[in-house]
Amino acid sequence: MKQDYKIWANDFHPVALKSDRWVRQKIDYIHYNPVRKGFVELPEHWKYSSARNWILGDDRIIKIDRDSLWPEGKAPGAIVKSDRAGLQ
């Protein structure tokens, strides 16, 4: 029996991230994917997640250039442990 699979949704299209809030929402969504799937309990426990950089300050595995993303050096509403409520 032949089965067809799709990787992308039919309406996939790029979306401009127009505000810090949108950027934050997309980062949170990506960080919480392994949590929602039950692979880890917290986003920073996923080895190859930038959540480790933002939450733990751990730049050993993935290097991110915070200054290029946010020149002031602080992400808008950067994820911190006290900021978890409502993100999941």
N, C-alpha and C. Protein backbone atom coordinates (compact mmCIF):
# COMPACT_ATOMS: atom_id res chain seq x y z
N MET A 1 0.84 -1.17 0.00
CA MET A 1 0.00 0.00 0.00
C MET A 1 0.89 1.25 0.00
N LYS A 2 0.67 2.11 -0.97
CA LYS A 2 1.47 3.33 -1.08
C LYS A 2 0.84 4.43 -0.21
N GLN A 3 1.71 5.14 0.52
CA GLN A 3 1.25 6.25 1.34
C GLN A 3 2.04 7.50 0.97
N ASP A 4 1.35 8.61 0.94
CA ASP A 4 2.00 9.89 0.68
C ASP A 4 2.08 10.67 1.98
N TYR A 5 3.20 11.34 2.17
CA TYR A 5 3.40 12.14 3.37
C TYR A 5 3.78 13.56 2.98
N LYS A 6 3.36 14.48 3.79
CA LYS A 6 3.69 15.88 3.56
C LYS A 6 4.62 16.36 4.66
N ILE A 7 5.55 17.17 4.29
CA ILE A 7 6.44 17.78 5.27
C ILE A 7 5.92 19.16 5.62
N TRP A 8 5.50 19.94 4.64
CA TRP A 8 5.03 21.30 4.86
C TRP A 8 3.52 21.37 4.66
N ALA A 9 2.88 22.23 5.41
CA ALA A 9 1.46 22.48 5.22
C ALA A 9 1.25 23.20 3.89
N ASN A 10 0.05 23.06 3.33
CA ASN A 10 -0.25 23.70 2.05
C ASN A 10 -0.07 25.20 2.08
N ASP A 11 -0.39 25.80 3.20
CA ASP A 11 -0.33 27.26 3.26
C ASP A 11 0.96 27.79 3.88
N PHE A 12 2.02 27.00 3.85
CA PHE A 12 3.29 27.46 4.41
C PHE A 12 3.79 28.66 3.64
N HIS A 13 4.10 29.71 4.36
CA HIS A 13 4.66 30.90 3.75
C HIS A 13 5.44 31.67 4.81
N PRO A 14 6.45 32.39 4.40
CA PRO A 14 7.23 33.15 5.37
C PRO A 14 6.39 34.28 5.98
N VAL A 15 6.64 34.54 7.24
CA VAL A 15 5.95 35.61 7.94
C VAL A 15 6.99 36.53 8.55
N ALA A 16 6.86 37.81 8.28
CA ALA A 16 7.78 38.78 8.88
C ALA A 16 7.47 38.90 10.37
N LEU A 17 8.50 38.82 11.19
CA LEU A 17 8.32 39.00 12.63
C LEU A 17 8.43 40.49 12.91
N LYS A 18 7.29 41.10 13.06
CA LYS A 18 7.21 42.56 13.06
C LYS A 18 7.42 43.20 14.43
N SER A 19 7.40 42.42 15.47
CA SER A 19 7.54 43.02 16.80
C SER A 19 8.33 42.09 17.71
N ASP A 20 8.83 42.66 18.78
CA ASP A 20 9.54 41.83 19.77
C ASP A 20 8.62 40.76 20.32
N ARG A 21 7.34 41.07 20.47
CA ARG A 21 6.39 40.09 21.00
C ARG A 21 6.27 38.88 20.07
N TRP A 22 6.20 39.11 18.77
CA TRP A 22 6.13 38.01 17.82
C TRP A 22 7.39 37.16 17.87
N VAL A 23 8.53 37.83 17.93
CA VAL A 23 9.80 37.10 18.01
C VAL A 23 9.80 36.23 19.26
N ARG A 24 9.41 36.80 20.38
CA ARG A 24 9.36 36.06 21.64
C ARG A 24 8.42 34.85 21.53
N GLN A 25 7.25 35.06 20.91
CA GLN A 25 6.30 33.96 20.77
C GLN A 25 6.90 32.82 19.95
N LYS A 26 7.58 33.14 18.86
CA LYS A 26 8.17 32.10 18.00
C LYS A 26 9.31 31.37 18.72
N ILE A 27 10.14 32.12 19.44
CA ILE A 27 11.22 31.50 20.20
C ILE A 27 10.66 30.56 21.26
N ASP A 28 9.64 31.02 21.98
CA ASP A 28 9.00 30.19 23.00
C ASP A 28 8.42 28.92 22.39
N TYR A 29 7.75 29.07 21.24
CA TYR A 29 7.16 27.91 20.57
C TYR A 29 8.23 26.86 20.25
N ILE A 30 9.33 27.32 19.69
CA ILE A 30 10.42 26.41 19.32
C ILE A 30 11.03 25.78 20.57
N HIS A 31 11.28 26.59 21.60
CA HIS A 31 11.88 26.07 22.82
C HIS A 31 10.99 25.03 23.50
N TYR A 32 9.68 25.21 23.46
CA TYR A 32 8.78 24.29 24.17
C TYR A 32 8.35 23.08 23.35
N ASN A 33 8.74 22.96 22.08
CA ASN A 33 8.39 21.77 21.29
C ASN A 33 8.85 20.48 21.96
N PRO A 34 10.10 20.34 22.41
CA PRO A 34 10.52 19.08 23.04
C PRO A 34 9.77 18.82 24.36
N VAL A 35 9.35 19.88 25.04
CA VAL A 35 8.58 19.72 26.28
C VAL A 35 7.19 19.18 25.94
N ARG A 36 6.53 19.78 24.96
CA ARG A 36 5.19 19.34 24.56
C ARG A 36 5.19 17.89 24.09
N LYS A 37 6.26 17.48 23.44
CA LYS A 37 6.36 16.10 22.95
C LYS A 37 6.74 15.11 24.05
N GLY A 38 7.10 15.63 25.23
CA GLY A 38 7.43 14.75 26.34
C GLY A 38 8.87 14.25 26.35
N PHE A 39 9.73 14.85 25.53
CA PHE A 39 11.12 14.42 25.49
C PHE A 39 11.91 14.93 26.69
N VAL A 40 11.57 16.12 27.18
CA VAL A 40 12.23 16.72 28.34
C VAL A 40 11.18 17.42 29.19
N GLU A 41 11.55 17.72 30.42
CA GLU A 41 10.62 18.42 31.31
C GLU A 41 10.71 19.94 31.17
N LEU A 42 11.90 20.43 30.84
CA LEU A 42 12.12 21.87 30.70
C LEU A 42 12.86 22.15 29.39
N PRO A 43 12.59 23.29 28.75
CA PRO A 43 13.24 23.57 27.46
C PRO A 43 14.76 23.51 27.51
N GLU A 44 15.36 23.97 28.60
CA GLU A 44 16.82 23.99 28.69
C GLU A 44 17.42 22.60 28.86
N HIS A 45 16.60 21.59 29.06
CA HIS A 45 17.11 20.22 29.14
C HIS A 45 17.34 19.61 27.77
N TRP A 46 16.79 20.22 26.71
CA TRP A 46 17.02 19.74 25.34
C TRP A 46 18.41 20.20 24.92
N LYS A 47 19.28 19.25 24.66
CA LYS A 47 20.70 19.55 24.46
C LYS A 47 20.98 20.58 23.37
N TYR A 48 20.26 20.50 22.27
CA TYR A 48 20.56 21.37 21.14
C TYR A 48 19.55 22.52 21.01
N SER A 49 19.11 23.04 22.13
CA SER A 49 18.17 24.16 22.12
C SER A 49 18.86 25.43 22.58
N SER A 50 18.51 26.54 21.93
CA SER A 50 19.04 27.82 22.39
C SER A 50 18.43 28.23 23.72
N ALA A 51 17.45 27.50 24.20
CA ALA A 51 16.91 27.76 25.54
C ALA A 51 18.03 27.64 26.57
N ARG A 52 18.97 26.76 26.31
CA ARG A 52 20.12 26.62 27.22
C ARG A 52 20.91 27.92 27.30
N ASN A 53 21.03 28.61 26.19
CA ASN A 53 21.74 29.89 26.18
C ASN A 53 20.99 30.94 26.98
N TRP A 54 19.70 31.07 26.70
CA TRP A 54 18.90 32.13 27.31
C TRP A 54 18.63 31.87 28.78
N ILE A 55 18.35 30.63 29.16
CA ILE A 55 17.95 30.33 30.53
C ILE A 55 19.16 30.05 31.42
N LEU A 56 20.10 29.27 30.90
CA LEU A 56 21.24 28.86 31.71
C LEU A 56 22.50 29.69 31.45
N GLY A 57 22.49 30.47 30.37
CA GLY A 57 23.71 31.20 30.00
C GLY A 57 24.77 30.26 29.47
N ASP A 58 24.36 29.09 28.97
CA ASP A 58 25.27 28.05 28.51
C ASP A 58 25.51 28.19 27.00
N ASP A 59 26.68 28.67 26.61
CA ASP A 59 27.01 28.84 25.20
C ASP A 59 27.97 27.77 24.68
N ARG A 60 28.11 26.66 25.41
CA ARG A 60 29.09 25.63 25.01
C ARG A 60 28.65 24.85 23.78
N ILE A 61 27.37 24.57 23.63
CA ILE A 61 26.92 23.71 22.53
C ILE A 61 26.52 24.53 21.32
N ILE A 62 25.70 25.54 21.54
CA ILE A 62 25.23 26.41 20.47
C ILE A 62 25.70 27.82 20.79
N LYS A 63 26.26 28.47 19.81
CA LYS A 63 26.67 29.86 19.97
C LYS A 63 25.60 30.75 19.36
N ILE A 64 25.13 31.72 20.13
CA ILE A 64 24.20 32.70 19.58
C ILE A 64 24.80 34.08 19.79
N ASP A 65 24.56 34.94 18.84
CA ASP A 65 25.09 36.30 18.91
C ASP A 65 23.98 37.21 19.41
N ARG A 66 23.88 37.33 20.71
CA ARG A 66 22.82 38.13 21.32
C ARG A 66 22.85 39.58 20.85
N ASP A 67 24.04 40.14 20.68
CA ASP A 67 24.16 41.55 20.29
C ASP A 67 23.62 41.81 18.89
N SER A 68 23.72 40.83 18.01
CA SER A 68 23.16 41.00 16.66
C SER A 68 21.64 40.93 16.70
N LEU A 69 21.12 40.07 17.58
CA LEU A 69 19.67 39.93 17.67
C LEU A 69 19.04 41.14 18.35
N TRP A 70 19.64 41.53 19.47
CA TRP A 70 19.14 42.66 20.25
C TRP A 70 20.34 43.47 20.71
N PRO A 71 20.60 44.59 20.04
CA PRO A 71 21.81 45.39 20.32
C PRO A 71 22.01 45.76 21.78
N GLU A 72 20.94 45.90 22.53
CA GLU A 72 21.09 46.24 23.95
C GLU A 72 21.62 45.06 24.75
N GLY A 73 21.70 43.88 24.12
CA GLY A 73 22.22 42.70 24.81
C GLY A 73 21.19 41.93 25.60
N LYS A 74 19.95 42.38 25.56
CA LYS A 74 18.91 41.68 26.30
C LYS A 74 17.72 41.44 25.38
N ALA A 75 17.34 40.20 25.25
CA ALA A 75 16.18 39.88 24.42
C ALA A 75 14.93 40.46 25.04
N PRO A 76 13.96 40.81 24.20
CA PRO A 76 12.71 41.33 24.75
C PRO A 76 12.03 40.25 25.57
N GLY A 77 11.82 40.51 26.83
CA GLY A 77 11.18 39.53 27.69
C GLY A 77 11.94 38.22 27.71
N ALA A 78 13.26 38.29 27.71
CA ALA A 78 14.08 37.08 27.66
C ALA A 78 13.60 36.05 28.67
N ILE A 79 13.59 34.81 28.24
CA ILE A 79 13.10 33.74 29.10
C ILE A 79 14.02 33.60 30.30
N VAL A 80 13.43 33.61 31.44
CA VAL A 80 14.15 33.32 32.69
C VAL A 80 13.29 32.40 33.51
N LYS A 81 13.85 31.74 34.47
CA LYS A 81 13.10 30.75 35.23
C LYS A 81 11.84 31.32 35.86
N SER A 82 11.88 32.55 36.31
CA SER A 82 10.70 33.15 36.95
C SER A 82 9.63 33.54 35.94
N ASP A 83 9.92 33.41 34.65
CA ASP A 83 9.03 33.87 33.60
C ASP A 83 8.30 32.71 32.92
N ARG A 84 8.29 31.54 33.49
CA ARG A 84 7.72 30.35 32.84
C ARG A 84 6.21 30.32 32.81
N ALA A 85 5.54 30.96 33.73
CA ALA A 85 4.09 30.88 33.81
C ALA A 85 3.46 31.34 32.51
N GLY A 86 2.59 30.53 31.97
CA GLY A 86 1.86 30.92 30.78
C GLY A 86 2.58 30.68 29.46
N LEU A 87 3.81 30.24 29.47
CA LEU A 87 4.53 30.05 28.21
C LEU A 87 4.25 28.69 27.58
N GLN A 88 3.92 27.73 28.37
CA GLN A 88 3.69 26.39 27.85
C GLN A 88 2.36 26.34 27.18
